[in-house]
Amino acid sequence: MRHRADLTQAEIVKALRYVGCQVFHIGRPCDLLVRRAGRLWLIDCDGVTKHRQRDRKQLEAFAQWGVVLVKTPQEALHAVAL
């Protein structure tokens, strides 16, 4: 199944890049790999709807890897300590 970007992802990426983050779209198990000041974050843009739910494997990977779920650009900036 092809990965589709969540509706908020473009705004979140724009905000992160605006403050100097490097952002890489990785798709699975989460949406983004973000680098700032020598640190890395795994971020998932939370656009889950009744038509698109996270599966068990994805949730397990989030827990193991410390993936941060964000819904807004402000939450993403907070996640990377800004």
C-alpha atoms as a PDB file:
ATOM      1  CA  MET A   1       0.000   0.000   0.000  1.00  0.00           C
ATOM      2  CA  ARG A   2       1.344   3.427  -0.968  1.00  0.00           C
ATOM      3  CA  HIS A   3       1.886   5.916   1.851  1.00  0.00           C
ATOM      4  CA  ARG A   4      -0.173   9.106   1.603  1.00  0.00           C
ATOM      5  CA  ALA A   5       0.808  12.281   3.408  1.00  0.00           C
ATOM      6  CA  ASP A   6      -1.515  13.441   6.155  1.00  0.00           C
ATOM      7  CA  LEU A   7      -3.341  16.716   5.586  1.00  0.00           C
ATOM      8  CA  THR A   8      -1.261  18.561   8.183  1.00  0.00           C
ATOM      9  CA  GLN A   9       2.104  17.217   7.068  1.00  0.00           C
ATOM     10  CA  ALA A  10       2.955  19.986   4.564  1.00  0.00           C
ATOM     11  CA  GLU A  11       2.326  22.708   7.170  1.00  0.00           C
ATOM     12  CA  ILE A  12       4.348  20.839   9.794  1.00  0.00           C
ATOM     13  CA  VAL A  13       7.297  20.333   7.431  1.00  0.00           C
ATOM     14  CA  LYS A  14       7.201  24.002   6.412  1.00  0.00           C
ATOM     15  CA  ALA A  15       7.297  25.141  10.055  1.00  0.00           C
ATOM     16  CA  LEU A  16      10.168  22.804  10.944  1.00  0.00           C
ATOM     17  CA  ARG A  17      12.242  23.876   7.947  1.00  0.00           C
ATOM     18  CA  TYR A  18      11.535  27.546   8.674  1.00  0.00           C
ATOM     19  CA  VAL A  19      13.323  27.229  12.032  1.00  0.00           C
ATOM     20  CA  GLY A  20      16.280  25.422  10.476  1.00  0.00           C
ATOM     21  CA  CYS A  21      15.413  21.751  10.863  1.00  0.00           C
ATOM     22  CA  GLN A  22      16.361  19.217   8.228  1.00  0.00           C
ATOM     23  CA  VAL A  23      13.287  17.150   7.416  1.00  0.00           C
ATOM     24  CA  PHE A  24      13.253  13.848   5.582  1.00  0.00           C
ATOM     25  CA  HIS A  25      10.042  12.099   4.500  1.00  0.00           C
ATOM     26  CA  ILE A  26      10.410   8.438   5.421  1.00  0.00           C
ATOM     27  CA  GLY A  27       6.804   7.202   5.316  1.00  0.00           C
ATOM     28  CA  ARG A  28       7.063   4.055   7.467  1.00  0.00           C
ATOM     29  CA  PRO A  29       6.928   3.402  10.309  1.00  0.00           C
ATOM     30  CA  CYS A  30       6.328   7.141  10.738  1.00  0.00           C
ATOM     31  CA  ASP A  31       6.145  10.201   8.495  1.00  0.00           C
ATOM     32  CA  LEU A  32       9.275  12.233   9.201  1.00  0.00           C
ATOM     33  CA  LEU A  33      12.874  12.068  10.367  1.00  0.00           C
ATOM     34  CA  VAL A  34      13.837  15.486  11.724  1.00  0.00           C
ATOM     35  CA  ARG A  35      17.332  16.744  12.556  1.00  0.00           C
ATOM     36  CA  ARG A  36      18.167  19.893  14.507  1.00  0.00           C
ATOM     37  CA  ALA A  37      21.298  20.843  16.427  1.00  0.00           C
ATOM     38  CA  GLY A  38      22.753  17.347  16.078  1.00  0.00           C
ATOM     39  CA  ARG A  39      19.651  15.605  17.465  1.00  0.00           C
ATOM     40  CA  LEU A  40      17.172  13.375  15.656  1.00  0.00           C
ATOM     41  CA  TRP A  41      13.428  12.942  16.131  1.00  0.00           C
ATOM     42  CA  LEU A  42      10.960  10.558  14.552  1.00  0.00           C
ATOM     43  CA  ILE A  43       7.685  12.365  14.025  1.00  0.00           C
ATOM     44  CA  ASP A  44       4.311  11.179  12.803  1.00  0.00           C
ATOM     45  CA  CYS A  45       1.814  13.751  11.583  1.00  0.00           C
ATOM     46  CA  ASP A  46      -1.417  12.631  13.185  1.00  0.00           C
ATOM     47  CA  GLY A  47      -4.019  12.600  10.466  1.00  0.00           C
ATOM     48  CA  VAL A  48      -5.743   9.383  11.470  1.00  0.00           C
ATOM     49  CA  THR A  49      -9.368   9.239  10.430  1.00  0.00           C
ATOM     50  CA  LYS A  50     -12.009   6.541  10.535  1.00  0.00           C
ATOM     51  CA  HIS A  51     -10.807   5.514   7.061  1.00  0.00           C
ATOM     52  CA  ARG A  52      -7.114   5.328   8.022  1.00  0.00           C
ATOM     53  CA  GLN A  53      -6.209   3.718  11.319  1.00  0.00           C
ATOM     54  CA  ARG A  54      -2.779   2.782  12.623  1.00  0.00           C
ATOM     55  CA  ASP A  55      -2.153  -0.935  12.707  1.00  0.00           C
ATOM     56  CA  ARG A  56      -0.700  -2.873  15.645  1.00  0.00           C
ATOM     57  CA  LYS A  57       2.778  -3.135  14.088  1.00  0.00           C
ATOM     58  CA  GLN A  58       2.953   0.593  13.530  1.00  0.00           C
ATOM     59  CA  LEU A  59       1.911   1.350  17.124  1.00  0.00           C
ATOM     60  CA  GLU A  60       4.489  -1.120  18.439  1.00  0.00           C
ATOM     61  CA  ALA A  61       7.188   0.546  16.339  1.00  0.00           C
ATOM     62  CA  PHE A  62       6.152   3.973  17.670  1.00  0.00           C
ATOM     63  CA  ALA A  63       6.560   2.732  21.239  1.00  0.00           C
ATOM     64  CA  GLN A  64       9.927   1.053  20.570  1.00  0.00           C
ATOM     65  CA  TRP A  65      11.434   3.971  18.688  1.00  0.00           C
ATOM     66  CA  GLY A  66       9.939   6.879  20.624  1.00  0.00           C
ATOM     67  CA  VAL A  67       7.971   8.329  17.740  1.00  0.00           C
ATOM     68  CA  VAL A  68       6.352  11.670  18.600  1.00  0.00           C
ATOM     69  CA  LEU A  69       2.782  12.197  17.376  1.00  0.00           C
ATOM     70  CA  VAL A  70       1.970  15.779  16.378  1.00  0.00           C
ATOM     71  CA  LYS A  71      -1.220  17.356  15.037  1.00  0.00           C
ATOM     72  CA  THR A  72      -0.091  20.936  14.425  1.00  0.00           C
ATOM     73  CA  PRO A  73       3.041  22.847  13.429  1.00  0.00           C
ATOM     74  CA  GLN A  74       3.185  24.219  16.989  1.00  0.00           C
ATOM     75  CA  GLU A  75       3.248  20.702  18.438  1.00  0.00           C
ATOM     76  CA  ALA A  76       6.031  19.764  16.023  1.00  0.00           C
ATOM     77  CA  LEU A  77       8.127  22.750  17.082  1.00  0.00           C
ATOM     78  CA  HIS A  78       7.564  21.848  20.724  1.00  0.00           C
ATOM     79  CA  ALA A  79       8.609  18.246  19.975  1.00  0.00           C
ATOM     80  CA  VAL A  80      12.007  19.426  18.716  1.00  0.00           C
ATOM     81  CA  ALA A  81      12.501  21.611  21.796  1.00  0.00           C
ATOM     82  CA  LEU A  82      11.528  24.954  20.288  1.00  0.00           C
END
